PDB file of N, CA and C in Angstrom:
ATOM      1  N   MET A   1      24.529   6.310  -6.403  1.00  0.00           N
ATOM      2  CA  MET A   1      24.333   6.494  -7.823  1.00  0.00           C
ATOM      3  C   MET A   1      25.708   6.504  -8.478  1.00  0.00           C
ATOM      4  N   LYS A   2      25.812   5.816  -9.569  1.00  0.00           N
ATOM      5  CA  LYS A   2      27.063   5.713 -10.301  1.00  0.00           C
ATOM      6  C   LYS A   2      26.989   6.607 -11.531  1.00  0.00           C
ATOM      7  N   LEU A   3      27.989   7.440 -11.681  1.00  0.00           N
ATOM      8  CA  LEU A   3      28.062   8.326 -12.835  1.00  0.00           C
ATOM      9  C   LEU A   3      28.976   7.697 -13.871  1.00  0.00           C
ATOM     10  N   SER A   4      28.570   7.747 -15.119  1.00  0.00           N
ATOM     11  CA  SER A   4      29.397   7.173 -16.182  1.00  0.00           C
ATOM     12  C   SER A   4      29.231   7.998 -17.446  1.00  0.00           C
ATOM     13  N   SER A   5      30.083   7.704 -18.397  1.00  0.00           N
ATOM     14  CA  SER A   5      30.022   8.423 -19.676  1.00  0.00           C
ATOM     15  C   SER A   5      29.804   7.429 -20.804  1.00  0.00           C
ATOM     16  N   ILE A   6      29.180   7.912 -21.856  1.00  0.00           N
ATOM     17  CA  ILE A   6      29.007   7.118 -23.074  1.00  0.00           C
ATOM     18  C   ILE A   6      29.542   7.964 -24.219  1.00  0.00           C
ATOM     19  N   LEU A   7      30.465   7.396 -24.935  1.00  0.00           N
ATOM     20  CA  LEU A   7      31.049   8.101 -26.085  1.00  0.00           C
ATOM     21  C   LEU A   7      30.710   7.320 -27.350  1.00  0.00           C
ATOM     22  N   PHE A   8      30.375   8.061 -28.392  1.00  0.00           N
ATOM     23  CA  PHE A   8      30.040   7.445 -29.666  1.00  0.00           C
ATOM     24  C   PHE A   8      31.085   7.836 -30.695  1.00  0.00           C
ATOM     25  N   GLY A   9      31.439   6.880 -31.490  1.00  0.00           N
ATOM     26  CA  GLY A   9      32.354   7.156 -32.589  1.00  0.00           C
ATOM     27  C   GLY A   9      31.651   6.943 -33.919  1.00  0.00           C
ATOM     28  N   PHE A  10      31.672   7.977 -34.759  1.00  0.00           N
ATOM     29  CA  PHE A  10      31.089   7.896 -36.101  1.00  0.00           C
ATOM     30  C   PHE A  10      32.226   7.974 -37.110  1.00  0.00           C
ATOM     31  N   ASP A  11      32.270   6.996 -37.966  1.00  0.00           N
ATOM     32  CA  ASP A  11      33.225   7.036 -39.067  1.00  0.00           C
ATOM     33  C   ASP A  11      34.630   7.420 -38.586  1.00  0.00           C
ATOM     34  N   MET A  12      35.153   6.655 -37.652  1.00  0.00           N
ATOM     35  CA  MET A  12      36.463   6.956 -37.067  1.00  0.00           C
ATOM     36  C   MET A  12      37.460   5.874 -37.458  1.00  0.00           C
ATOM     37  N   ASP A  13      38.719   6.290 -37.509  1.00  0.00           N
ATOM     38  CA  ASP A  13      39.763   5.298 -37.746  1.00  0.00           C
ATOM     39  C   ASP A  13      40.066   4.568 -36.439  1.00  0.00           C
ATOM     40  N   ASP A  14      40.931   3.589 -36.515  1.00  0.00           N
ATOM     41  CA  ASP A  14      41.256   2.763 -35.349  1.00  0.00           C
ATOM     42  C   ASP A  14      41.839   3.586 -34.208  1.00  0.00           C
ATOM     43  N   GLU A  15      42.701   4.535 -34.531  1.00  0.00           N
ATOM     44  CA  GLU A  15      43.332   5.377 -33.509  1.00  0.00           C
ATOM     45  C   GLU A  15      42.276   6.219 -32.792  1.00  0.00           C
ATOM     46  N   GLY A  16      41.363   6.808 -33.510  1.00  0.00           N
ATOM     47  CA  GLY A  16      40.297   7.608 -32.908  1.00  0.00           C
ATOM     48  C   GLY A  16      39.413   6.764 -32.006  1.00  0.00           C
ATOM     49  N   GLN A  17      39.115   5.569 -32.460  1.00  0.00           N
ATOM     50  CA  GLN A  17      38.304   4.663 -31.642  1.00  0.00           C
ATOM     51  C   GLN A  17      39.038   4.280 -30.352  1.00  0.00           C
ATOM     52  N   ARG A  18      40.343   4.025 -30.504  1.00  0.00           N
ATOM     53  CA  ARG A  18      41.144   3.661 -29.330  1.00  0.00           C
ATOM     54  C   ARG A  18      41.161   4.798 -28.312  1.00  0.00           C
ATOM     55  N   LEU A  19      41.332   6.031 -28.785  1.00  0.00           N
ATOM     56  CA  LEU A  19      41.374   7.185 -27.884  1.00  0.00           C
ATOM     57  C   LEU A  19      40.021   7.393 -27.188  1.00  0.00           C
ATOM     58  N   LEU A  20      38.939   7.277 -27.950  1.00  0.00           N
ATOM     59  CA  LEU A  20      37.624   7.433 -27.329  1.00  0.00           C
ATOM     60  C   LEU A  20      37.349   6.328 -26.306  1.00  0.00           C
ATOM     61  N   LYS A  21      37.823   5.129 -26.593  1.00  0.00           N
ATOM     62  CA  LYS A  21      37.658   4.030 -25.642  1.00  0.00           C
ATOM     63  C   LYS A  21      38.420   4.322 -24.361  1.00  0.00           C
ATOM     64  N   GLU A  22      39.621   4.888 -24.469  1.00  0.00           N
ATOM     65  CA  GLU A  22      40.404   5.242 -23.274  1.00  0.00           C
ATOM     66  C   GLU A  22      39.677   6.302 -22.446  1.00  0.00           C
ATOM     67  N   VAL A  23      39.120   7.293 -23.137  1.00  0.00           N
ATOM     68  CA  VAL A  23      38.368   8.340 -22.438  1.00  0.00           C
ATOM     69  C   VAL A  23      37.153   7.741 -21.738  1.00  0.00           C
ATOM     70  N   ALA A  24      36.454   6.858 -22.434  1.00  0.00           N
ATOM     71  CA  ALA A  24      35.272   6.224 -21.843  1.00  0.00           C
ATOM     72  C   ALA A  24      35.666   5.396 -20.620  1.00  0.00           C
ATOM     73  N   ASP A  25      36.746   4.649 -20.728  1.00  0.00           N
ATOM     74  CA  ASP A  25      37.214   3.838 -19.604  1.00  0.00           C
ATOM     75  C   ASP A  25      37.577   4.727 -18.417  1.00  0.00           C
ATOM     76  N   ALA A  26      38.247   5.834 -18.686  1.00  0.00           N
ATOM     77  CA  ALA A  26      38.645   6.763 -17.622  1.00  0.00           C
ATOM     78  C   ALA A  26      37.414   7.387 -16.954  1.00  0.00           C
ATOM     79  N   GLY A  27      36.325   7.539 -17.710  1.00  0.00           N
ATOM     80  CA  GLY A  27      35.095   8.121 -17.174  1.00  0.00           C
ATOM     81  C   GLY A  27      34.128   7.093 -16.633  1.00  0.00           C
ATOM     82  N   ASN A  28      34.624   5.877 -16.401  1.00  0.00           N
ATOM     83  CA  ASN A  28      33.787   4.795 -15.890  1.00  0.00           C
ATOM     84  C   ASN A  28      32.589   4.546 -16.823  1.00  0.00           C
ATOM     85  N   GLY A  29      32.842   4.643 -18.103  1.00  0.00           N
ATOM     86  CA  GLY A  29      31.753   4.506 -19.064  1.00  0.00           C
ATOM     87  C   GLY A  29      32.070   3.496 -20.140  1.00  0.00           C
ATOM     88  N   GLU A  30      31.512   3.748 -21.288  1.00  0.00           N
ATOM     89  CA  GLU A  30      31.736   2.833 -22.402  1.00  0.00           C
ATOM     90  C   GLU A  30      31.800   3.606 -23.715  1.00  0.00           C
ATOM     91  N   PHE A  31      32.388   2.963 -24.654  1.00  0.00           N
ATOM     92  CA  PHE A  31      32.522   3.513 -25.994  1.00  0.00           C
ATOM     93  C   PHE A  31      31.719   2.626 -26.931  1.00  0.00           C
ATOM     94  N   ALA A  32      30.969   3.257 -27.808  1.00  0.00           N
ATOM     95  CA  ALA A  32      30.198   2.495 -28.794  1.00  0.00           C
ATOM     96  C   ALA A  32      30.474   3.076 -30.174  1.00  0.00           C
ATOM     97  N   TYR A  33      30.871   2.218 -31.087  1.00  0.00           N
ATOM     98  CA  TYR A  33      31.064   2.655 -32.465  1.00  0.00           C
ATOM     99  C   TYR A  33      29.752   2.423 -33.193  1.00  0.00           C
ATOM    100  N   VAL A  34      29.239   3.474 -33.781  1.00  0.00           N
ATOM    101  CA  VAL A  34      28.013   3.354 -34.577  1.00  0.00           C
ATOM    102  C   VAL A  34      28.313   3.884 -35.972  1.00  0.00           C
ATOM    103  N   SER A  35      27.806   3.171 -36.952  1.00  0.00           N
ATOM    104  CA  SER A  35      28.100   3.568 -38.332  1.00  0.00           C
ATOM    105  C   SER A  35      26.904   4.206 -39.029  1.00  0.00           C
ATOM    106  N   SER A  36      25.759   4.244 -38.329  1.00  0.00           N
ATOM    107  CA  SER A  36      24.568   4.827 -38.965  1.00  0.00           C
ATOM    108  C   SER A  36      23.604   5.315 -37.885  1.00  0.00           C
ATOM    109  N   GLU A  37      22.628   6.061 -38.336  1.00  0.00           N
ATOM    110  CA  GLU A  37      21.597   6.533 -37.412  1.00  0.00           C
ATOM    111  C   GLU A  37      20.837   5.349 -36.824  1.00  0.00           C
ATOM    112  N   GLN A  38      20.637   4.319 -37.610  1.00  0.00           N
ATOM    113  CA  GLN A  38      19.922   3.132 -37.129  1.00  0.00           C
ATOM    114  C   GLN A  38      20.723   2.439 -36.018  1.00  0.00           C
ATOM    115  N   ASP A  39      22.068   2.379 -36.194  1.00  0.00           N
ATOM    116  CA  ASP A  39      22.914   1.794 -35.145  1.00  0.00           C
ATOM    117  C   ASP A  39      22.788   2.598 -33.849  1.00  0.00           C
ATOM    118  N   LEU A  40      22.779   3.925 -33.985  1.00  0.00           N
ATOM    119  CA  LEU A  40      22.663   4.792 -32.811  1.00  0.00           C
ATOM    120  C   LEU A  40      21.313   4.576 -32.135  1.00  0.00           C
ATOM    121  N   GLN A  41      20.252   4.534 -32.917  1.00  0.00           N
ATOM    122  CA  GLN A  41      18.924   4.320 -32.335  1.00  0.00           C
ATOM    123  C   GLN A  41      18.835   2.955 -31.645  1.00  0.00           C
ATOM    124  N   LYS A  42      19.426   1.951 -32.270  1.00  0.00           N
ATOM    125  CA  LYS A  42      19.427   0.609 -31.685  1.00  0.00           C
ATOM    126  C   LYS A  42      20.187   0.612 -30.358  1.00  0.00           C
ATOM    127  N   TYR A  43      21.329   1.269 -30.352  1.00  0.00           N
ATOM    128  CA  TYR A  43      22.134   1.341 -29.137  1.00  0.00           C
ATOM    129  C   TYR A  43      21.369   2.095 -28.035  1.00  0.00           C
ATOM    130  N   MET A  44      20.794   3.246 -28.389  1.00  0.00           N
ATOM    131  CA  MET A  44      20.075   4.051 -27.405  1.00  0.00           C
ATOM    132  C   MET A  44      18.860   3.294 -26.875  1.00  0.00           C
ATOM    133  N   ARG A  45      18.173   2.558 -27.728  1.00  0.00           N
ATOM    134  CA  ARG A  45      17.036   1.757 -27.299  1.00  0.00           C
ATOM    135  C   ARG A  45      17.468   0.687 -26.295  1.00  0.00           C
ATOM    136  N   ALA A  46      18.575   0.033 -26.582  1.00  0.00           N
ATOM    137  CA  ALA A  46      19.089  -0.999 -25.673  1.00  0.00           C
ATOM    138  C   ALA A  46      19.454  -0.374 -24.318  1.00  0.00           C
ATOM    139  N   GLN A  47      20.064   0.804 -24.351  1.00  0.00           N
ATOM    140  CA  GLN A  47      20.416   1.493 -23.104  1.00  0.00           C
ATOM    141  C   GLN A  47      19.159   1.870 -22.319  1.00  0.00           C
ATOM    142  N   TYR A  48      18.176   2.367 -23.021  1.00  0.00           N
ATOM    143  CA  TYR A  48      16.922   2.753 -22.386  1.00  0.00           C
ATOM    144  C   TYR A  48      16.271   1.531 -21.732  1.00  0.00           C
ATOM    145  N   GLU A  49      16.210   0.432 -22.446  1.00  0.00           N
ATOM    146  CA  GLU A  49      15.596  -0.781 -21.908  1.00  0.00           C
ATOM    147  C   GLU A  49      16.354  -1.285 -20.684  1.00  0.00           C
ATOM    148  N   GLU A  50      17.669  -1.198 -20.719  1.00  0.00           N
ATOM    149  CA  GLU A  50      18.477  -1.601 -19.564  1.00  0.00           C
ATOM    150  C   GLU A  50      18.208  -0.674 -18.372  1.00  0.00           C
ATOM    151  N   MET A  51      18.085   0.609 -18.642  1.00  0.00           N
ATOM    152  CA  MET A  51      17.808   1.569 -17.584  1.00  0.00           C
ATOM    153  C   MET A  51      16.438   1.274 -16.944  1.00  0.00           C
ATOM    154  N   ILE A  52      15.446   0.990 -17.771  1.00  0.00           N
ATOM    155  CA  ILE A  52      14.112   0.655 -17.252  1.00  0.00           C
ATOM    156  C   ILE A  52      14.174  -0.627 -16.434  1.00  0.00           C
ATOM    157  N   LYS A  53      14.906  -1.597 -16.914  1.00  0.00           N
ATOM    158  CA  LYS A  53      15.058  -2.863 -16.193  1.00  0.00           C
ATOM    159  C   LYS A  53      15.696  -2.630 -14.822  1.00  0.00           C
ATOM    160  N   GLN A  54      16.741  -1.821 -14.776  1.00  0.00           N
ATOM    161  CA  GLN A  54      17.410  -1.524 -13.506  1.00  0.00           C
ATOM    162  C   GLN A  54      16.496  -0.721 -12.583  1.00  0.00           C
ATOM    163  N   TRP A  55      15.746   0.216 -13.155  1.00  0.00           N
ATOM    164  CA  TRP A  55      14.822   1.008 -12.345  1.00  0.00           C
ATOM    165  C   TRP A  55      13.755   0.114 -11.731  1.00  0.00           C
ATOM    166  N   GLU A  56      13.212  -0.805 -12.505  1.00  0.00           N
ATOM    167  CA  GLU A  56      12.202  -1.739 -11.993  1.00  0.00           C
ATOM    168  C   GLU A  56      12.783  -2.594 -10.868  1.00  0.00           C
ATOM    169  N   LYS A  57      14.002  -3.036 -11.046  1.00  0.00           N
ATOM    170  CA  LYS A  57      14.667  -3.834 -10.008  1.00  0.00           C
ATOM    171  C   LYS A  57      14.799  -2.996  -8.734  1.00  0.00           C
ATOM    172  N   TRP A  58      15.228  -1.744  -8.891  1.00  0.00           N
ATOM    173  CA  TRP A  58      15.378  -0.840  -7.754  1.00  0.00           C
ATOM    174  C   TRP A  58      14.021  -0.604  -7.085  1.00  0.00           C
ATOM    175  N   ARG A  59      12.970  -0.392  -7.872  1.00  0.00           N
ATOM    176  CA  ARG A  59      11.628  -0.148  -7.342  1.00  0.00           C
ATOM    177  C   ARG A  59      11.109  -1.359  -6.568  1.00  0.00           C
ATOM    178  N   ARG A  60      11.289  -2.547  -7.138  1.00  0.00           N
ATOM    179  CA  ARG A  60      10.835  -3.767  -6.456  1.00  0.00           C
ATOM    180  C   ARG A  60      11.564  -3.945  -5.131  1.00  0.00           C
ATOM    181  N   GLU A  61      12.873  -3.733  -5.146  1.00  0.00           N
ATOM    182  CA  GLU A  61      13.657  -3.880  -3.915  1.00  0.00           C
ATOM    183  C   GLU A  61      13.229  -2.827  -2.881  1.00  0.00           C
ATOM    184  N   GLY A  62      13.006  -1.604  -3.317  1.00  0.00           N
ATOM    185  CA  GLY A  62      12.541  -0.555  -2.411  1.00  0.00           C
ATOM    186  C   GLY A  62      11.180  -0.883  -1.823  1.00  0.00           C
ATOM    187  N   THR A  63      10.295  -1.418  -2.641  1.00  0.00           N
ATOM    188  CA  THR A  63       8.967  -1.806  -2.169  1.00  0.00           C
ATOM    189  C   THR A  63       9.083  -2.945  -1.165  1.00  0.00           C
ATOM    190  N   ARG A  64       9.935  -3.904  -1.457  1.00  0.00           N
ATOM    191  CA  ARG A  64      10.136  -5.027  -0.532  1.00  0.00           C
ATOM    192  C   ARG A  64      10.673  -4.526   0.809  1.00  0.00           C
ATOM    193  N   GLN A  65      11.671  -3.652   0.751  1.00  0.00           N
ATOM    194  CA  GLN A  65      12.248  -3.121   1.987  1.00  0.00           C
ATOM    195  C   GLN A  65      11.216  -2.308   2.774  1.00  0.00           C
ATOM    196  N   THR A  66      10.447  -1.494   2.073  1.00  0.00           N
ATOM    197  CA  THR A  66       9.434  -0.668   2.730  1.00  0.00           C
ATOM    198  C   THR A  66       8.378  -1.546   3.393  1.00  0.00           C
ATOM    199  N   THR A  67       7.959  -2.585   2.708  1.00  0.00           N
ATOM    200  CA  THR A  67       6.967  -3.503   3.260  1.00  0.00           C
ATOM    201  C   THR A  67       7.517  -4.199   4.504  1.00  0.00           C
ATOM    202  N   GLU A  68       8.758  -4.609   4.450  1.00  0.00           N
ATOM    203  CA  GLU A  68       9.387  -5.280   5.592  1.00  0.00           C
ATOM    204  C   GLU A  68       9.513  -4.324   6.780  1.00  0.00           C
ATOM    205  N   ILE A  69       9.928  -3.104   6.533  1.00  0.00           N
ATOM    206  CA  ILE A  69      10.050  -2.118   7.615  1.00  0.00           C
ATOM    207  C   ILE A  69       8.677  -1.832   8.218  1.00  0.00           C
ATOM    208  N   ALA A  70       7.666  -1.686   7.368  1.00  0.00           N
ATOM    209  CA  ALA A  70       6.310  -1.433   7.863  1.00  0.00           C
ATOM    210  C   ALA A  70       5.828  -2.597   8.727  1.00  0.00           C
ATOM    211  N   ARG A  71       6.110  -3.816   8.304  1.00  0.00           N
ATOM    212  CA  ARG A  71       5.711  -4.998   9.078  1.00  0.00           C
ATOM    213  C   ARG A  71       6.403  -5.001  10.437  1.00  0.00           C
ATOM    214  N   GLU A  72       7.699  -4.696  10.445  1.00  0.00           N
ATOM    215  CA  GLU A  72       8.444  -4.656  11.706  1.00  0.00           C
ATOM    216  C   GLU A  72       7.904  -3.570  12.637  1.00  0.00           C
ATOM    217  N   LYS A  73       7.608  -2.404  12.087  1.00  0.00           N
ATOM    218  CA  LYS A  73       7.087  -1.295  12.902  1.00  0.00           C
ATOM    219  C   LYS A  73       5.708  -1.639  13.457  1.00  0.00           C
ATOM    220  N   LYS A  74       4.881  -2.270  12.652  1.00  0.00           N
ATOM    221  CA  LYS A  74       3.545  -2.653  13.097  1.00  0.00           C
ATOM    222  C   LYS A  74       3.644  -3.678  14.227  1.00  0.00           C
ATOM    223  N   GLU A  75       4.544  -4.634  14.076  1.00  0.00           N
ATOM    224  CA  GLU A  75       4.749  -5.646  15.112  1.00  0.00           C
ATOM    225  C   GLU A  75       5.260  -4.992  16.397  1.00  0.00           C
ATOM    226  N   TRP A  76       6.183  -4.063  16.253  1.00  0.00           N
ATOM    227  CA  TRP A  76       6.730  -3.346  17.399  1.00  0.00           C
ATOM    228  C   TRP A  76       5.620  -2.554  18.102  1.00  0.00           C
ATOM    229  N   ALA A  77       4.783  -1.852  17.332  1.00  0.00           N
ATOM    230  CA  ALA A  77       3.693  -1.065  17.907  1.00  0.00           C
ATOM    231  C   ALA A  77       2.704  -1.984  18.642  1.00  0.00           C
ATOM    232  N   LYS A  78       2.443  -3.148  18.088  1.00  0.00           N
ATOM    233  CA  LYS A  78       1.540  -4.101  18.735  1.00  0.00           C
ATOM    234  C   LYS A  78       2.120  -4.565  20.069  1.00  0.00           C
ATOM    235  N   GLU A  79       3.418  -4.871  20.086  1.00  0.00           N
ATOM    236  CA  GLU A  79       4.072  -5.298  21.322  1.00  0.00           C
ATOM    237  C   GLU A  79       4.031  -4.188  22.374  1.00  0.00           C
ATOM    238  N   ILE A  80       4.293  -2.959  21.950  1.00  0.00           N
ATOM    239  CA  ILE A  80       4.251  -1.829  22.878  1.00  0.00           C
ATOM    240  C   ILE A  80       2.830  -1.659  23.417  1.00  0.00           C
ATOM    241  N   GLY A  81       1.835  -1.752  22.552  1.00  0.00           N
ATOM    242  CA  GLY A  81       0.439  -1.646  22.984  1.00  0.00           C
ATOM    243  C   GLY A  81       0.089  -2.710  24.010  1.00  0.00           C
ATOM    244  N   GLU A  82       0.553  -3.932  23.797  1.00  0.00           N
ATOM    245  CA  GLU A  82       0.278  -5.017  24.737  1.00  0.00           C
ATOM    246  C   GLU A  82       0.941  -4.741  26.080  1.00  0.00           C
ATOM    247  N   ARG A  83       2.173  -4.244  26.041  1.00  0.00           N
ATOM    248  CA  ARG A  83       2.875  -3.920  27.290  1.00  0.00           C
ATOM    249  C   ARG A  83       2.161  -2.795  28.047  1.00  0.00           C
ATOM    250  N   ILE A  84       1.660  -1.810  27.317  1.00  0.00           N
ATOM    251  CA  ILE A  84       0.930  -0.710  27.962  1.00  0.00           C
ATOM    252  C   ILE A  84      -0.352  -1.232  28.598  1.00  0.00           C
ATOM    253  N   ARG A  85      -1.075  -2.099  27.859  1.00  0.00           N
ATOM    254  CA  ARG A  85      -2.302  -2.675  28.414  1.00  0.00           C
ATOM    255  C   ARG A  85      -2.012  -3.492  29.680  1.00  0.00           C
ATOM    256  N   GLU A  86      -0.942  -4.296  29.650  1.00  0.00           N
ATOM    257  CA  GLU A  86      -0.573  -5.097  30.819  1.00  0.00           C
ATOM    258  C   GLU A  86      -0.260  -4.195  32.015  1.00  0.00           C
ATOM    259  N   LYS A  87       0.488  -3.133  31.785  1.00  0.00           N
ATOM    260  CA  LYS A  87       0.830  -2.216  32.872  1.00  0.00           C
ATOM    261  C   LYS A  87      -0.407  -1.496  33.382  1.00  0.00           C
ATOM    262  N   ASN A  88      -1.300  -1.144  32.478  1.00  0.00           N
ATOM    263  CA  ASN A  88      -2.544  -0.492  32.867  1.00  0.00           C
ATOM    264  C   ASN A  88      -3.386  -1.422  33.748  1.00  0.00           C
ATOM    265  N   GLU A  89      -3.498  -2.676  33.361  1.00  0.00           N
ATOM    266  CA  GLU A  89      -4.264  -3.643  34.150  1.00  0.00           C
ATOM    267  C   GLU A  89      -3.616  -3.865  35.513  1.00  0.00           C
ATOM    268  N   ARG A  90      -2.302  -3.966  35.526  1.00  0.00           N
ATOM    269  CA  ARG A  90      -1.579  -4.162  36.778  1.00  0.00           C
ATOM    270  C   ARG A  90      -1.797  -2.961  37.715  1.00  0.00           C
ATOM    271  N   GLU A  91      -1.741  -1.759  37.171  1.00  0.00           N
ATOM    272  CA  GLU A  91      -1.949  -0.556  37.967  1.00  0.00           C
ATOM    273  C   GLU A  91      -3.401  -0.468  38.461  1.00  0.00           C
ATOM    274  N   ARG A  92      -4.349  -0.840  37.616  1.00  0.00           N
ATOM    275  CA  ARG A  92      -5.755  -0.851  38.025  1.00  0.00           C
ATOM    276  C   ARG A  92      -5.959  -1.821  39.179  1.00  0.00           C
ATOM    277  N   ASP A  93      -5.356  -3.023  39.070  1.00  0.00           N
ATOM    278  CA  ASP A  93      -5.469  -4.012  40.145  1.00  0.00           C
ATOM    279  C   ASP A  93      -4.861  -3.475  41.438  1.00  0.00           C
ATOM    280  N   ARG A  94      -3.747  -2.795  41.356  1.00  0.00           N
ATOM    281  CA  ARG A  94      -3.116  -2.211  42.551  1.00  0.00           C
ATOM    282  C   ARG A  94      -4.026  -1.154  43.173  1.00  0.00           C
ATOM    283  N   MET A  95      -4.640  -0.342  42.336  1.00  0.00           N
ATOM    284  CA  MET A  95      -5.545   0.690  42.838  1.00  0.00           C
ATOM    285  C   MET A  95      -6.757   0.067  43.526  1.00  0.00           C
ATOM    286  N   LEU A  96      -7.256  -1.042  42.988  1.00  0.00           N
ATOM    287  CA  LEU A  96      -8.389  -1.729  43.629  1.00  0.00           C
ATOM    288  C   LEU A  96      -7.975  -2.292  44.984  1.00  0.00           C
ATOM    289  N   VAL A  97      -6.789  -2.846  45.076  1.00  0.00           N
ATOM    290  CA  VAL A  97      -6.284  -3.348  46.350  1.00  0.00           C
ATOM    291  C   VAL A  97      -6.175  -2.194  47.347  1.00  0.00           C
ATOM    292  N   ALA A  98      -5.626  -1.077  46.902  1.00  0.00           N
ATOM    293  CA  ALA A  98      -5.495   0.093  47.785  1.00  0.00           C
ATOM    294  C   ALA A  98      -6.867   0.602  48.201  1.00  0.00           C
ATOM    295  N   ARG A  99      -7.803   0.643  47.282  1.00  0.00           N
ATOM    296  CA  ARG A  99      -9.169   1.107  47.580  1.00  0.00           C
ATOM    297  C   ARG A  99      -9.820   0.195  48.621  1.00  0.00           C
ATOM    298  N   ASN A 100      -9.675  -1.127  48.433  1.00  0.00           N
ATOM    299  CA  ASN A 100     -10.251  -2.070  49.391  1.00  0.00           C
ATOM    300  C   ASN A 100      -9.603  -1.931  50.769  1.00  0.00           C
ATOM    301  N   TYR A 101      -8.301  -1.740  50.774  1.00  0.00           N
ATOM    302  CA  TYR A 101      -7.586  -1.548  52.045  1.00  0.00           C
ATOM    303  C   TYR A 101      -8.134  -0.319  52.772  1.00  0.00           C
ATOM    304  N   LEU A 102      -8.250   0.800  52.061  1.00  0.00           N
ATOM    305  CA  LEU A 102      -8.745   2.031  52.676  1.00  0.00           C
ATOM    306  C   LEU A 102     -10.202   1.874  53.112  1.00  0.00           C
ATOM    307  N   HIS A 103     -10.971   1.158  52.326  1.00  0.00           N
ATOM    308  CA  HIS A 103     -12.376   0.926  52.676  1.00  0.00           C
ATOM    309  C   HIS A 103     -12.464   0.127  53.988  1.00  0.00           C
ATOM    310  N   GLN A 104     -11.607  -0.895  54.106  1.00  0.00           N
ATOM    311  CA  GLN A 104     -11.604  -1.698  55.329  1.00  0.00           C
ATOM    312  C   GLN A 104     -11.102  -0.881  56.520  1.00  0.00           C
ATOM    313  N   LYS A 105     -10.094  -0.071  56.290  1.00  0.00           N
ATOM    314  CA  LYS A 105      -9.493   0.701  57.379  1.00  0.00           C
ATOM    315  C   LYS A 105     -10.410   1.825  57.849  1.00  0.00           C
ATOM    316  N   TYR A 106     -11.061   2.514  56.914  1.00  0.00           N
ATOM    317  CA  TYR A 106     -11.867   3.682  57.273  1.00  0.00           C
ATOM    318  C   TYR A 106     -13.373   3.424  57.189  1.00  0.00           C
ATOM    319  N   GLY A 107     -13.746   2.272  56.672  1.00  0.00           N
ATOM    320  CA  GLY A 107     -15.140   1.903  56.670  1.00  0.00           C
ATOM    321  C   GLY A 107     -16.004   2.607  55.637  1.00  0.00           C
ATOM    322  N   GLU A 108     -15.416   3.252  54.703  1.00  0.00           N
ATOM    323  CA  GLU A 108     -16.213   3.901  53.655  1.00  0.00           C
ATOM    324  C   GLU A 108     -15.460   3.836  52.343  1.00  0.00           C
ATOM    325  N   ASP A 109     -16.142   4.149  51.281  1.00  0.00           N
ATOM    326  CA  ASP A 109     -15.537   4.117  49.943  1.00  0.00           C
ATOM    327  C   ASP A 109     -14.584   5.299  49.819  1.00  0.00           C
ATOM    328  N   PRO A 110     -13.305   5.053  49.701  1.00  0.00           N
ATOM    329  CA  PRO A 110     -12.341   6.147  49.660  1.00  0.00           C
ATOM    330  C   PRO A 110     -12.484   7.022  48.416  1.00  0.00           C
ATOM    331  N   LEU A 111     -13.136   6.529  47.417  1.00  0.00           N
ATOM    332  CA  LEU A 111     -13.309   7.353  46.222  1.00  0.00           C
ATOM    333  C   LEU A 111     -14.325   8.462  46.451  1.00  0.00           C
ATOM    334  N   HIS A 112     -15.214   8.261  47.418  1.00  0.00           N
ATOM    335  CA  HIS A 112     -16.260   9.243  47.668  1.00  0.00           C
ATOM    336  C   HIS A 112     -16.144   9.880  49.044  1.00  0.00           C
ATOM    337  N   SER A 113     -15.043   9.643  49.711  1.00  0.00           N
ATOM    338  CA  SER A 113     -14.863  10.178  51.055  1.00  0.00           C
ATOM    339  C   SER A 113     -14.041  11.442  51.059  1.00  0.00           C
ATOM    340  N   THR A 114     -14.370  12.321  51.992  1.00  0.00           N
ATOM    341  CA  THR A 114     -13.569  13.546  52.182  1.00  0.00           C
ATOM    342  C   THR A 114     -12.874  13.510  53.531  1.00  0.00           C
ATOM    343  N   ASN A 115     -12.997  12.422  54.251  1.00  0.00           N
ATOM    344  CA  ASN A 115     -12.466  12.327  55.617  1.00  0.00           C
ATOM    345  C   ASN A 115     -11.208  11.470  55.728  1.00  0.00           C
ATOM    346  N   LEU A 116     -10.484  11.309  54.693  1.00  0.00           N
ATOM    347  CA  LEU A 116      -9.304  10.445  54.745  1.00  0.00           C
ATOM    348  C   LEU A 116      -8.097  11.111  55.389  1.00  0.00           C
ATOM    349  N   LEU A 117      -8.046  12.406  55.389  1.00  0.00           N
ATOM    350  CA  LEU A 117      -6.865  13.078  55.924  1.00  0.00           C
ATOM    351  C   LEU A 117      -6.998  13.359  57.354  1.00  0.00           C
TER     352      LEU A 117
END
């Protein structure tokens, strides 16, 4: 976030305007000379509209980034799920091989036997 200052000059001579401009520059801001309430309202309206425009830009960019991060996380979760399923299937196949081996060796279903030891 950038902090800045806005200074207004009402009915000022050239020297006063110059000094306020220096202060505004030092504060990373701007100086605006307004000669009437209407000028001030016009200036403030323009600032408000610019602020809304910048906020909308920030919101759109944040939404885009959030959507992209969500897409990446979803893709990552899908890949992890697939890897878990593959490992689960591989382990199940190994267990079936072991079960068949024990069945052949001991002649009974090892899942229901109490005589394996």
